[in-house]
Amino acid sequence: MNDDAVFTALADPTRRRLLDRLHETSGQTLSELCEGLQMTRQAVAKHLAILEGANLVAVRRQGREKLHFLNPVPIQGIAERWIAKFQERQLAALSALRASLETDPSQKRRP
C-alpha cells in the first residue's frame, strides 16, 4: 500500500464525500455518485480515478455499467500504522491511573 496515495486521496473533501456515499451504499454507478454533487460528471470521474489509484475504490463492470465499491483495507492500514500506535500511550496512561486509584486508599470514595 502506498500511504502517500491514500493520504492524498483522503485530503480532498469531495473524495471523502464519495467514500462516505460508497460506505452507505456500495456498488454505485458514476451517475448515482454524481447525484447531488455540484460538479460535472467528468470531475467526479477524475476524483474516482484518484480513489481507484489509491486502492480506496474497487470497480467491477456489470454489462455496460461500471460499479464502484469501497475498499476499506487501505484506511484500516492507515489506522493501524498511524493512529493505533499513538493511542497505545494514552491507553497505558488510563490503565495506570485506574490501577493507581484502585490501590490508593486516599482516592477511594467514601459511602
N, C-alpha and C. Protein backbone atom coordinates (compact mmCIF):
# COMPACT_ATOMS: atom_id res chain seq x y z
N MET A 1 0.85 -1.18 0.00
CA MET A 1 0.00 0.00 0.00
C MET A 1 0.89 1.24 0.00
N ASN A 2 0.50 2.22 -0.75
CA ASN A 2 1.22 3.48 -0.81
C ASN A 2 0.49 4.50 0.06
N ASP A 3 1.05 4.76 1.25
CA ASP A 3 0.41 5.69 2.18
C ASP A 3 0.24 7.08 1.58
N ASP A 4 1.22 7.52 0.79
CA ASP A 4 1.13 8.86 0.20
C ASP A 4 -0.10 8.98 -0.70
N ALA A 5 -0.35 7.96 -1.51
CA ALA A 5 -1.52 7.99 -2.40
C ALA A 5 -2.82 8.00 -1.59
N VAL A 6 -2.85 7.25 -0.52
CA VAL A 6 -4.05 7.20 0.32
C VAL A 6 -4.28 8.55 1.00
N PHE A 7 -3.22 9.13 1.59
CA PHE A 7 -3.36 10.43 2.23
C PHE A 7 -3.76 11.51 1.23
N THR A 8 -3.17 11.47 0.04
CA THR A 8 -3.53 12.45 -1.00
C THR A 8 -5.00 12.30 -1.37
N ALA A 9 -5.45 11.08 -1.54
CA ALA A 9 -6.84 10.84 -1.90
C ALA A 9 -7.78 11.31 -0.79
N LEU A 10 -7.41 11.06 0.46
CA LEU A 10 -8.27 11.44 1.58
C LEU A 10 -8.22 12.93 1.90
N ALA A 11 -7.25 13.64 1.36
CA ALA A 11 -7.09 15.06 1.66
C ALA A 11 -8.20 15.92 1.06
N ASP A 12 -8.87 15.43 0.04
CA ASP A 12 -9.89 16.22 -0.65
C ASP A 12 -11.28 15.93 -0.09
N PRO A 13 -12.04 16.97 0.28
CA PRO A 13 -13.37 16.74 0.87
C PRO A 13 -14.36 16.07 -0.10
N THR A 14 -14.25 16.34 -1.38
CA THR A 14 -15.14 15.69 -2.35
C THR A 14 -14.88 14.20 -2.39
N ARG A 15 -13.61 13.81 -2.36
CA ARG A 15 -13.29 12.38 -2.38
C ARG A 15 -13.75 11.70 -1.09
N ARG A 16 -13.61 12.40 0.03
CA ARG A 16 -14.10 11.82 1.30
C ARG A 16 -15.62 11.65 1.24
N ARG A 17 -16.29 12.61 0.63
CA ARG A 17 -17.75 12.51 0.49
C ARG A 17 -18.13 11.33 -0.40
N LEU A 18 -17.38 11.12 -1.48
CA LEU A 18 -17.64 9.96 -2.34
C LEU A 18 -17.43 8.66 -1.57
N LEU A 19 -16.38 8.60 -0.76
CA LEU A 19 -16.15 7.40 0.06
C LEU A 19 -17.28 7.20 1.07
N ASP A 20 -17.76 8.29 1.66
CA ASP A 20 -18.89 8.19 2.59
C ASP A 20 -20.12 7.63 1.88
N ARG A 21 -20.35 8.10 0.68
CA ARG A 21 -21.52 7.62 -0.08
C ARG A 21 -21.37 6.16 -0.46
N LEU A 22 -20.15 5.74 -0.78
CA LEU A 22 -19.93 4.33 -1.09
C LEU A 22 -20.01 3.47 0.17
N HIS A 23 -19.67 4.04 1.30
CA HIS A 23 -19.83 3.31 2.56
C HIS A 23 -21.31 3.07 2.84
N GLU A 24 -22.13 4.08 2.56
CA GLU A 24 -23.58 3.94 2.78
C GLU A 24 -24.19 2.93 1.81
N THR A 25 -23.81 3.02 0.54
CA THR A 25 -24.36 2.14 -0.49
C THR A 25 -23.24 1.78 -1.45
N SER A 26 -22.69 0.61 -1.29
CA SER A 26 -21.60 0.18 -2.15
C SER A 26 -22.15 -0.31 -3.48
N GLY A 27 -21.34 -0.22 -4.52
CA GLY A 27 -21.76 -0.70 -5.83
C GLY A 27 -22.53 0.33 -6.64
N GLN A 28 -22.19 1.59 -6.51
CA GLN A 28 -22.90 2.65 -7.24
C GLN A 28 -22.22 2.93 -8.58
N THR A 29 -23.03 3.38 -9.52
CA THR A 29 -22.52 3.80 -10.82
C THR A 29 -22.04 5.24 -10.72
N LEU A 30 -21.36 5.69 -11.76
CA LEU A 30 -20.92 7.07 -11.81
C LEU A 30 -22.11 8.02 -11.76
N SER A 31 -23.17 7.69 -12.47
CA SER A 31 -24.37 8.54 -12.47
C SER A 31 -24.96 8.66 -11.07
N GLU A 32 -25.01 7.57 -10.34
CA GLU A 32 -25.54 7.60 -8.98
C GLU A 32 -24.65 8.43 -8.07
N LEU A 33 -23.35 8.32 -8.24
CA LEU A 33 -22.42 9.08 -7.41
C LEU A 33 -22.46 10.57 -7.73
N CYS A 34 -22.82 10.91 -8.96
CA CYS A 34 -22.89 12.32 -9.36
C CYS A 34 -24.11 13.04 -8.77
N GLU A 35 -25.14 12.28 -8.41
CA GLU A 35 -26.37 12.88 -7.89
C GLU A 35 -26.08 13.71 -6.65
N GLY A 36 -26.55 14.94 -6.67
CA GLY A 36 -26.41 15.83 -5.52
C GLY A 36 -25.08 16.54 -5.43
N LEU A 37 -24.15 16.26 -6.33
CA LEU A 37 -22.87 16.95 -6.33
C LEU A 37 -22.92 18.10 -7.32
N GLN A 38 -22.37 19.20 -6.94
CA GLN A 38 -22.35 20.39 -7.80
C GLN A 38 -21.09 20.41 -8.65
N MET A 39 -20.91 19.34 -9.43
CA MET A 39 -19.75 19.27 -10.33
C MET A 39 -20.10 18.40 -11.52
N THR A 40 -19.29 18.51 -12.54
CA THR A 40 -19.56 17.76 -13.76
C THR A 40 -19.27 16.28 -13.55
N ARG A 41 -19.84 15.50 -14.42
CA ARG A 41 -19.62 14.07 -14.42
C ARG A 41 -18.13 13.76 -14.61
N GLN A 42 -17.47 14.55 -15.47
CA GLN A 42 -16.05 14.36 -15.73
C GLN A 42 -15.22 14.64 -14.46
N ALA A 43 -15.60 15.64 -13.70
CA ALA A 43 -14.87 15.95 -12.45
C ALA A 43 -15.02 14.82 -11.45
N VAL A 44 -16.23 14.28 -11.33
CA VAL A 44 -16.46 13.15 -10.41
C VAL A 44 -15.63 11.95 -10.86
N ALA A 45 -15.59 11.71 -12.17
CA ALA A 45 -14.81 10.59 -12.70
C ALA A 45 -13.32 10.76 -12.37
N LYS A 46 -12.82 11.99 -12.42
CA LYS A 46 -11.41 12.24 -12.07
C LYS A 46 -11.16 11.94 -10.60
N HIS A 47 -12.09 12.34 -9.74
CA HIS A 47 -11.95 12.04 -8.31
C HIS A 47 -11.96 10.53 -8.08
N LEU A 48 -12.85 9.84 -8.78
CA LEU A 48 -12.92 8.38 -8.63
C LEU A 48 -11.64 7.72 -9.12
N ALA A 49 -11.04 8.26 -10.16
CA ALA A 49 -9.78 7.70 -10.67
C ALA A 49 -8.67 7.82 -9.61
N ILE A 50 -8.66 8.94 -8.89
CA ILE A 50 -7.66 9.11 -7.82
C ILE A 50 -7.93 8.11 -6.70
N LEU A 51 -9.19 7.92 -6.36
CA LEU A 51 -9.55 6.95 -5.32
C LEU A 51 -9.19 5.53 -5.75
N GLU A 52 -9.41 5.22 -7.03
CA GLU A 52 -9.03 3.91 -7.55
C GLU A 52 -7.51 3.74 -7.50
N GLY A 53 -6.78 4.79 -7.87
CA GLY A 53 -5.33 4.73 -7.85
C GLY A 53 -4.76 4.51 -6.46
N ALA A 54 -5.48 4.98 -5.46
CA ALA A 54 -5.07 4.78 -4.06
C ALA A 54 -5.62 3.47 -3.50
N ASN A 55 -6.32 2.72 -4.34
CA ASN A 55 -6.91 1.43 -3.96
C ASN A 55 -8.02 1.58 -2.91
N LEU A 56 -8.61 2.77 -2.84
CA LEU A 56 -9.71 3.00 -1.91
C LEU A 56 -11.05 2.64 -2.54
N VAL A 57 -11.08 2.56 -3.85
CA VAL A 57 -12.29 2.19 -4.58
C VAL A 57 -11.94 1.07 -5.55
N ALA A 58 -12.76 0.04 -5.54
CA ALA A 58 -12.61 -1.05 -6.50
C ALA A 58 -13.77 -0.96 -7.47
N VAL A 59 -13.54 -1.35 -8.71
CA VAL A 59 -14.59 -1.29 -9.72
C VAL A 59 -14.86 -2.67 -10.29
N ARG A 60 -16.09 -2.83 -10.72
CA ARG A 60 -16.49 -4.07 -11.39
C ARG A 60 -17.45 -3.71 -12.50
N ARG A 61 -17.20 -4.22 -13.66
CA ARG A 61 -18.08 -3.98 -14.79
C ARG A 61 -19.26 -4.96 -14.72
N GLN A 62 -20.43 -4.39 -14.93
CA GLN A 62 -21.64 -5.19 -14.97
C GLN A 62 -22.39 -4.75 -16.22
N GLY A 63 -22.20 -5.50 -17.28
CA GLY A 63 -22.77 -5.09 -18.56
C GLY A 63 -22.08 -3.82 -19.03
N ARG A 64 -22.86 -2.80 -19.31
CA ARG A 64 -22.30 -1.53 -19.77
C ARG A 64 -21.97 -0.59 -18.61
N GLU A 65 -22.34 -0.97 -17.41
CA GLU A 65 -22.12 -0.11 -16.25
C GLU A 65 -20.84 -0.49 -15.51
N LYS A 66 -20.28 0.49 -14.88
CA LYS A 66 -19.10 0.30 -14.04
C LYS A 66 -19.54 0.60 -12.61
N LEU A 67 -19.48 -0.39 -11.76
CA LEU A 67 -19.91 -0.24 -10.37
C LEU A 67 -18.69 0.05 -9.50
N HIS A 68 -18.88 0.95 -8.55
CA HIS A 68 -17.79 1.37 -7.66
C HIS A 68 -18.07 0.86 -6.25
N PHE A 69 -17.05 0.29 -5.65
CA PHE A 69 -17.16 -0.29 -4.31
C PHE A 69 -16.07 0.28 -3.41
N LEU A 70 -16.42 0.53 -2.18
CA LEU A 70 -15.45 0.99 -1.19
C LEU A 70 -14.52 -0.16 -0.83
N ASN A 71 -13.22 0.13 -0.79
CA ASN A 71 -12.24 -0.83 -0.30
C ASN A 71 -11.66 -0.24 0.98
N PRO A 72 -12.08 -0.71 2.15
CA PRO A 72 -11.63 -0.12 3.41
C PRO A 72 -10.24 -0.58 3.86
N VAL A 73 -9.63 -1.51 3.15
CA VAL A 73 -8.35 -2.06 3.60
C VAL A 73 -7.26 -0.99 3.72
N PRO A 74 -7.07 -0.09 2.75
CA PRO A 74 -6.03 0.93 2.93
C PRO A 74 -6.31 1.86 4.12
N ILE A 75 -7.56 2.15 4.39
CA ILE A 75 -7.91 3.01 5.53
C ILE A 75 -7.57 2.28 6.83
N GLN A 76 -7.85 0.98 6.88
CA GLN A 76 -7.51 0.19 8.06
C GLN A 76 -6.00 0.18 8.26
N GLY A 77 -5.26 0.07 7.17
CA GLY A 77 -3.80 0.10 7.26
C GLY A 77 -3.30 1.42 7.82
N ILE A 78 -3.90 2.51 7.39
CA ILE A 78 -3.55 3.84 7.92
C ILE A 78 -3.86 3.90 9.42
N ALA A 79 -5.03 3.40 9.78
CA ALA A 79 -5.43 3.42 11.19
C ALA A 79 -4.44 2.63 12.04
N GLU A 80 -4.06 1.45 11.57
CA GLU A 80 -3.14 0.62 12.33
C GLU A 80 -1.75 1.25 12.43
N ARG A 81 -1.29 1.82 11.33
CA ARG A 81 0.08 2.35 11.32
C ARG A 81 0.19 3.72 11.97
N TRP A 82 -0.79 4.59 11.73
CA TRP A 82 -0.64 5.99 12.12
C TRP A 82 -1.49 6.40 13.31
N ILE A 83 -2.54 5.68 13.62
CA ILE A 83 -3.42 6.11 14.71
C ILE A 83 -3.26 5.21 15.93
N ALA A 84 -3.29 3.92 15.72
CA ALA A 84 -3.24 2.98 16.84
C ALA A 84 -1.99 3.14 17.70
N LYS A 85 -0.86 3.40 17.06
CA LYS A 85 0.37 3.50 17.85
C LYS A 85 0.36 4.71 18.78
N PHE A 86 -0.38 5.75 18.42
CA PHE A 86 -0.46 6.92 19.28
C PHE A 86 -1.48 6.72 20.41
N GLN A 87 -2.40 5.80 20.22
CA GLN A 87 -3.38 5.51 21.25
C GLN A 87 -2.81 4.61 22.33
N GLU A 88 -1.80 3.83 22.01
CA GLU A 88 -1.23 2.90 22.99
C GLU A 88 -0.78 3.63 24.24
N ARG A 89 -0.10 4.75 24.08
CA ARG A 89 0.40 5.52 25.23
C ARG A 89 -0.76 6.03 26.08
N GLN A 90 -1.81 6.52 25.43
CA GLN A 90 -2.96 7.04 26.16
C GLN A 90 -3.68 5.93 26.91
N LEU A 91 -3.84 4.78 26.27
CA LEU A 91 -4.49 3.66 26.94
C LEU A 91 -3.66 3.16 28.12
N ALA A 92 -2.36 3.13 27.96
CA ALA A 92 -1.49 2.71 29.06
C ALA A 92 -1.60 3.69 30.23
N ALA A 93 -1.68 5.00 29.93
CA ALA A 93 -1.81 6.00 30.99
C ALA A 93 -3.15 5.85 31.72
N LEU A 94 -4.21 5.59 30.98
CA LEU A 94 -5.53 5.39 31.62
C LEU A 94 -5.53 4.13 32.48
N SER A 95 -4.89 3.10 32.00
CA SER A 95 -4.80 1.86 32.75
C SER A 95 -4.01 2.06 34.05
N ALA A 96 -2.91 2.79 33.95
CA ALA A 96 -2.09 3.08 35.14
C ALA A 96 -2.87 3.93 36.13
N LEU A 97 -3.62 4.90 35.63
CA LEU A 97 -4.43 5.75 36.51
C LEU A 97 -5.48 4.91 37.23
N ARG A 98 -6.12 4.05 36.51
CA ARG A 98 -7.15 3.19 37.12
C ARG A 98 -6.53 2.30 38.21
N ALA A 99 -5.38 1.69 37.87
CA ALA A 99 -4.71 0.83 38.85
C ALA A 99 -4.31 1.63 40.08
N SER A 100 -3.84 2.84 39.87
CA SER A 100 -3.43 3.70 40.97
C SER A 100 -4.62 4.05 41.86
N LEU A 101 -5.73 4.38 41.25
CA LEU A 101 -6.92 4.75 42.02
C LEU A 101 -7.50 3.55 42.78
N GLU A 102 -7.37 2.38 42.19
CA GLU A 102 -7.90 1.19 42.83
C GLU A 102 -7.04 0.76 44.02
N THR A 103 -5.76 1.12 44.03
CA THR A 103 -4.88 0.68 45.11
C THR A 103 -4.60 1.77 46.14
N ASP A 104 -4.87 3.04 45.81
CA ASP A 104 -4.60 4.16 46.72
C ASP A 104 -5.82 4.40 47.57
N PRO A 105 -5.76 4.05 48.88
CA PRO A 105 -6.94 4.20 49.75
C PRO A 105 -7.39 5.64 49.90
N SER A 106 -6.51 6.60 49.74
CA SER A 106 -6.91 8.01 49.90
C SER A 106 -7.79 8.48 48.74
N GLN A 107 -7.77 7.75 47.62
CA GLN A 107 -8.56 8.15 46.46
C GLN A 107 -9.90 7.41 46.37
N LYS A 108 -10.13 6.50 47.32
CA LYS A 108 -11.37 5.72 47.27
C LYS A 108 -12.53 6.59 47.77
N ARG A 109 -13.67 6.30 47.22
CA ARG A 109 -14.89 7.01 47.64
C ARG A 109 -15.34 6.53 49.01
N ARG A 110 -15.90 7.43 49.71
CA ARG A 110 -16.49 7.06 50.99
C ARG A 110 -18.00 6.91 50.79
N PRO A 111 -18.60 5.92 51.45
CA PRO A 111 -20.06 5.72 51.32
C PRO A 111 -20.88 6.81 51.93
